Amino acid sequence: MTPTHQPDALTSLEDRIQQAVQLVIRLRQEKDAALTQAAEAQAESGRLADELAALQAERKQVRTRIEKLLEQIEQLSNA
């Protein structure tokens, strides 16, 4: 290389390094955002699973009560 090309090569290298640094910073930010989003989704999933279990238990209770009422109505019909 000639001395006149050295500053251009050095400037080009500096630019590429700066671009690489900016890319790494952006990718780390995206990773952090994705991890936060994943944690929030996992928490929401747990909350929904709890809600589903509660609704299923409530449904079972309602079904039991309705079956008892139907039995009582049947007993009235047979009497």
N, C-alpha and C. Protein backbone atom coordinates (compact mmCIF):
# COMPACT_ATOMS: atom_id res chain seq x y z
N MET A 1 0.84 -1.18 0.00
CA MET A 1 0.00 0.00 0.00
C MET A 1 0.88 1.24 0.00
N THR A 2 0.36 2.22 -0.63
CA THR A 2 1.08 3.49 -0.61
C THR A 2 0.58 4.31 0.54
N PRO A 3 1.34 5.26 1.00
CA PRO A 3 0.92 6.07 2.14
C PRO A 3 -0.40 6.81 1.90
N THR A 4 -0.72 7.11 0.65
CA THR A 4 -1.96 7.82 0.40
C THR A 4 -3.17 6.92 0.60
N HIS A 5 -3.00 5.62 0.45
CA HIS A 5 -4.12 4.69 0.62
C HIS A 5 -4.31 4.26 2.07
N GLN A 6 -3.30 4.43 2.89
CA GLN A 6 -3.40 4.01 4.28
C GLN A 6 -4.51 4.73 5.04
N PRO A 7 -4.62 6.04 4.96
CA PRO A 7 -5.71 6.70 5.68
C PRO A 7 -7.09 6.23 5.20
N ASP A 8 -7.22 6.01 3.89
CA ASP A 8 -8.51 5.52 3.37
C ASP A 8 -8.82 4.12 3.90
N ALA A 9 -7.81 3.27 3.94
CA ALA A 9 -8.00 1.91 4.45
C ALA A 9 -8.31 1.95 5.94
N LEU A 10 -7.64 2.80 6.67
CA LEU A 10 -7.87 2.93 8.10
C LEU A 10 -9.27 3.50 8.36
N THR A 11 -9.67 4.48 7.57
CA THR A 11 -11.01 5.05 7.71
C THR A 11 -12.06 4.00 7.40
N SER A 12 -11.83 3.21 6.36
CA SER A 12 -12.76 2.15 6.00
C SER A 12 -12.86 1.12 7.12
N LEU A 13 -11.72 0.76 7.70
CA LEU A 13 -11.70 -0.19 8.80
C LEU A 13 -12.44 0.38 10.01
N GLU A 14 -12.20 1.64 10.32
CA GLU A 14 -12.91 2.29 11.43
C GLU A 14 -14.41 2.28 11.21
N ASP A 15 -14.83 2.56 9.98
CA ASP A 15 -16.26 2.56 9.66
C ASP A 15 -16.87 1.17 9.84
N ARG A 16 -16.16 0.17 9.36
CA ARG A 16 -16.67 -1.20 9.49
C ARG A 16 -16.73 -1.63 10.95
N ILE A 17 -15.73 -1.26 11.73
CA ILE A 17 -15.74 -1.60 13.15
C ILE A 17 -16.89 -0.89 13.84
N GLN A 18 -17.09 0.39 13.52
CA GLN A 18 -18.20 1.14 14.11
C GLN A 18 -19.54 0.52 13.74
N GLN A 19 -19.69 0.07 12.51
CA GLN A 19 -20.93 -0.59 12.08
C GLN A 19 -21.12 -1.90 12.85
N ALA A 20 -20.02 -2.63 13.05
CA ALA A 20 -20.10 -3.89 13.79
C ALA A 20 -20.50 -3.63 15.24
N VAL A 21 -19.94 -2.59 15.84
CA VAL A 21 -20.28 -2.23 17.22
C VAL A 21 -21.76 -1.86 17.30
N GLN A 22 -22.24 -1.06 16.38
CA GLN A 22 -23.65 -0.66 16.38
C GLN A 22 -24.57 -1.88 16.19
N LEU A 23 -24.15 -2.80 15.34
CA LEU A 23 -24.93 -4.02 15.12
C LEU A 23 -24.99 -4.85 16.40
N VAL A 24 -23.87 -5.00 17.08
CA VAL A 24 -23.84 -5.77 18.33
C VAL A 24 -24.74 -5.11 19.37
N ILE A 25 -24.67 -3.79 19.49
CA ILE A 25 -25.52 -3.06 20.44
C ILE A 25 -26.99 -3.28 20.12
N ARG A 26 -27.35 -3.16 18.84
CA ARG A 26 -28.74 -3.34 18.44
C ARG A 26 -29.21 -4.77 18.70
N LEU A 27 -28.36 -5.75 18.38
CA LEU A 27 -28.73 -7.14 18.60
C LEU A 27 -28.88 -7.46 20.09
N ARG A 28 -28.04 -6.87 20.92
CA ARG A 28 -28.19 -7.08 22.37
C ARG A 28 -29.50 -6.48 22.87
N GLN A 29 -29.85 -5.31 22.36
CA GLN A 29 -31.10 -4.68 22.75
C GLN A 29 -32.29 -5.54 22.31
N GLU A 30 -32.22 -6.06 21.10
CA GLU A 30 -33.29 -6.92 20.59
C GLU A 30 -33.38 -8.20 21.42
N LYS A 31 -32.23 -8.74 21.81
CA LYS A 31 -32.21 -9.96 22.64
C LYS A 31 -32.86 -9.67 23.99
N ASP A 32 -32.50 -8.55 24.60
CA ASP A 32 -33.08 -8.19 25.89
C ASP A 32 -34.59 -8.01 25.78
N ALA A 33 -35.02 -7.35 24.70
CA ALA A 33 -36.46 -7.16 24.49
C ALA A 33 -37.15 -8.50 24.28
N ALA A 34 -36.53 -9.40 23.55
CA ALA A 34 -37.12 -10.72 23.31
C ALA A 34 -37.20 -11.53 24.60
N LEU A 35 -36.17 -11.43 25.43
CA LEU A 35 -36.19 -12.15 26.71
C LEU A 35 -37.28 -11.60 27.63
N THR A 36 -37.44 -10.30 27.63
CA THR A 36 -38.49 -9.69 28.43
C THR A 36 -39.86 -10.13 27.93
N GLN A 37 -40.02 -10.11 26.62
CA GLN A 37 -41.30 -10.52 26.03
C GLN A 37 -41.57 -12.00 26.33
N ALA A 38 -40.55 -12.83 26.27
CA ALA A 38 -40.73 -14.25 26.57
C ALA A 38 -41.13 -14.46 28.03
N ALA A 39 -40.51 -13.70 28.94
CA ALA A 39 -40.85 -13.82 30.36
C ALA A 39 -42.30 -13.38 30.60
N GLU A 40 -42.70 -12.30 29.93
CA GLU A 40 -44.08 -11.83 30.07
C GLU A 40 -45.06 -12.87 29.51
N ALA A 41 -44.71 -13.47 28.38
CA ALA A 41 -45.58 -14.49 27.79
C ALA A 41 -45.68 -15.71 28.70
N GLN A 42 -44.58 -16.07 29.33
CA GLN A 42 -44.59 -17.22 30.23
C GLN A 42 -45.46 -16.91 31.45
N ALA A 43 -45.36 -15.70 31.98
CA ALA A 43 -46.19 -15.31 33.12
C ALA A 43 -47.67 -15.32 32.73
N GLU A 44 -47.97 -14.81 31.55
CA GLU A 44 -49.35 -14.80 31.05
C GLU A 44 -49.86 -16.22 30.87
N SER A 45 -49.00 -17.09 30.38
CA SER A 45 -49.38 -18.50 30.20
C SER A 45 -49.72 -19.14 31.54
N GLY A 46 -48.92 -18.85 32.56
CA GLY A 46 -49.20 -19.38 33.89
C GLY A 46 -50.51 -18.85 34.44
N ARG A 47 -50.75 -17.56 34.25
CA ARG A 47 -52.00 -16.96 34.71
C ARG A 47 -53.19 -17.59 34.01
N LEU A 48 -53.07 -17.79 32.70
CA LEU A 48 -54.17 -18.39 31.95
C LEU A 48 -54.39 -19.85 32.35
N ALA A 49 -53.32 -20.56 32.65
CA ALA A 49 -53.46 -21.95 33.10
C ALA A 49 -54.19 -22.00 34.44
N ASP A 50 -53.87 -21.06 35.33
CA ASP A 50 -54.57 -21.00 36.62
C ASP A 50 -56.04 -20.67 36.42
N GLU A 51 -56.30 -19.73 35.53
CA GLU A 51 -57.68 -19.34 35.25
C GLU A 51 -58.46 -20.51 34.65
N LEU A 52 -57.83 -21.24 33.75
CA LEU A 52 -58.47 -22.41 33.15
C LEU A 52 -58.81 -23.45 34.20
N ALA A 53 -57.87 -23.70 35.10
CA ALA A 53 -58.11 -24.68 36.17
C ALA A 53 -59.28 -24.24 37.05
N ALA A 54 -59.34 -22.95 37.36
CA ALA A 54 -60.44 -22.44 38.18
C ALA A 54 -61.77 -22.58 37.44
N LEU A 55 -61.79 -22.28 36.16
CA LEU A 55 -63.02 -22.41 35.38
C LEU A 55 -63.46 -23.86 35.26
N GLN A 56 -62.51 -24.76 35.12
CA GLN A 56 -62.84 -26.18 35.04
C GLN A 56 -63.42 -26.68 36.36
N ALA A 57 -62.85 -26.21 37.47
CA ALA A 57 -63.38 -26.60 38.78
C ALA A 57 -64.79 -26.04 38.96
N GLU A 58 -65.00 -24.80 38.54
CA GLU A 58 -66.33 -24.19 38.65
C GLU A 58 -67.32 -24.96 37.78
N ARG A 59 -66.90 -25.34 36.60
CA ARG A 59 -67.78 -26.10 35.70
C ARG A 59 -68.17 -27.44 36.33
N LYS A 60 -67.21 -28.08 36.98
CA LYS A 60 -67.49 -29.35 37.64
C LYS A 60 -68.50 -29.17 38.76
N GLN A 61 -68.36 -28.10 39.53
CA GLN A 61 -69.31 -27.82 40.61
C GLN A 61 -70.71 -27.56 40.05
N VAL A 62 -70.78 -26.78 38.99
CA VAL A 62 -72.08 -26.47 38.38
C VAL A 62 -72.73 -27.75 37.85
N ARG A 63 -71.93 -28.58 37.20
CA ARG A 63 -72.45 -29.85 36.67
C ARG A 63 -73.00 -30.72 37.79
N THR A 64 -72.28 -30.79 38.90
CA THR A 64 -72.73 -31.59 40.04
C THR A 64 -74.04 -31.05 40.59
N ARG A 65 -74.15 -29.75 40.73
CA ARG A 65 -75.39 -29.15 41.25
C ARG A 65 -76.56 -29.40 40.31
N ILE A 66 -76.31 -29.29 39.00
CA ILE A 66 -77.38 -29.53 38.02
C ILE A 66 -77.82 -30.99 38.06
N GLU A 67 -76.86 -31.91 38.19
CA GLU A 67 -77.20 -33.32 38.28
C GLU A 67 -78.07 -33.60 39.50
N LYS A 68 -77.74 -32.96 40.62
CA LYS A 68 -78.55 -33.13 41.83
C LYS A 68 -79.96 -32.59 41.62
N LEU A 69 -80.07 -31.43 40.97
CA LEU A 69 -81.39 -30.85 40.68
C LEU A 69 -82.19 -31.76 39.77
N LEU A 70 -81.54 -32.32 38.76
CA LEU A 70 -82.22 -33.22 37.84
C LEU A 70 -82.69 -34.49 38.56
N GLU A 71 -81.88 -34.98 39.50
CA GLU A 71 -82.29 -36.13 40.28
C GLU A 71 -83.54 -35.82 41.11
N GLN A 72 -83.56 -34.63 41.70
CA GLN A 72 -84.72 -34.22 42.50
C GLN A 72 -85.96 -34.09 41.64
N ILE A 73 -85.79 -33.54 40.44
CA ILE A 73 -86.93 -33.42 39.52
C ILE A 73 -87.41 -34.80 39.10
N GLU A 74 -86.50 -35.72 38.87
CA GLU A 74 -86.87 -37.08 38.49
C GLU A 74 -87.63 -37.77 39.64
N GLN A 75 -87.17 -37.54 40.85
CA GLN A 75 -87.86 -38.11 42.00
C GLN A 75 -89.29 -37.58 42.10
N LEU A 76 -89.49 -36.29 41.81
CA LEU A 76 -90.82 -35.71 41.82
C LEU A 76 -91.70 -36.34 40.74
N SER A 77 -91.09 -36.60 39.58
CA SER A 77 -91.83 -37.20 38.47
C SER A 77 -92.25 -38.63 38.78
N ASN A 78 -91.41 -39.35 39.50
CA ASN A 78 -91.67 -40.76 39.84
C ASN A 78 -92.64 -40.88 41.03
N ALA A 79 -92.79 -39.83 41.77
CA ALA A 79 -93.64 -39.92 42.97
C ALA A 79 -95.10 -39.86 42.66
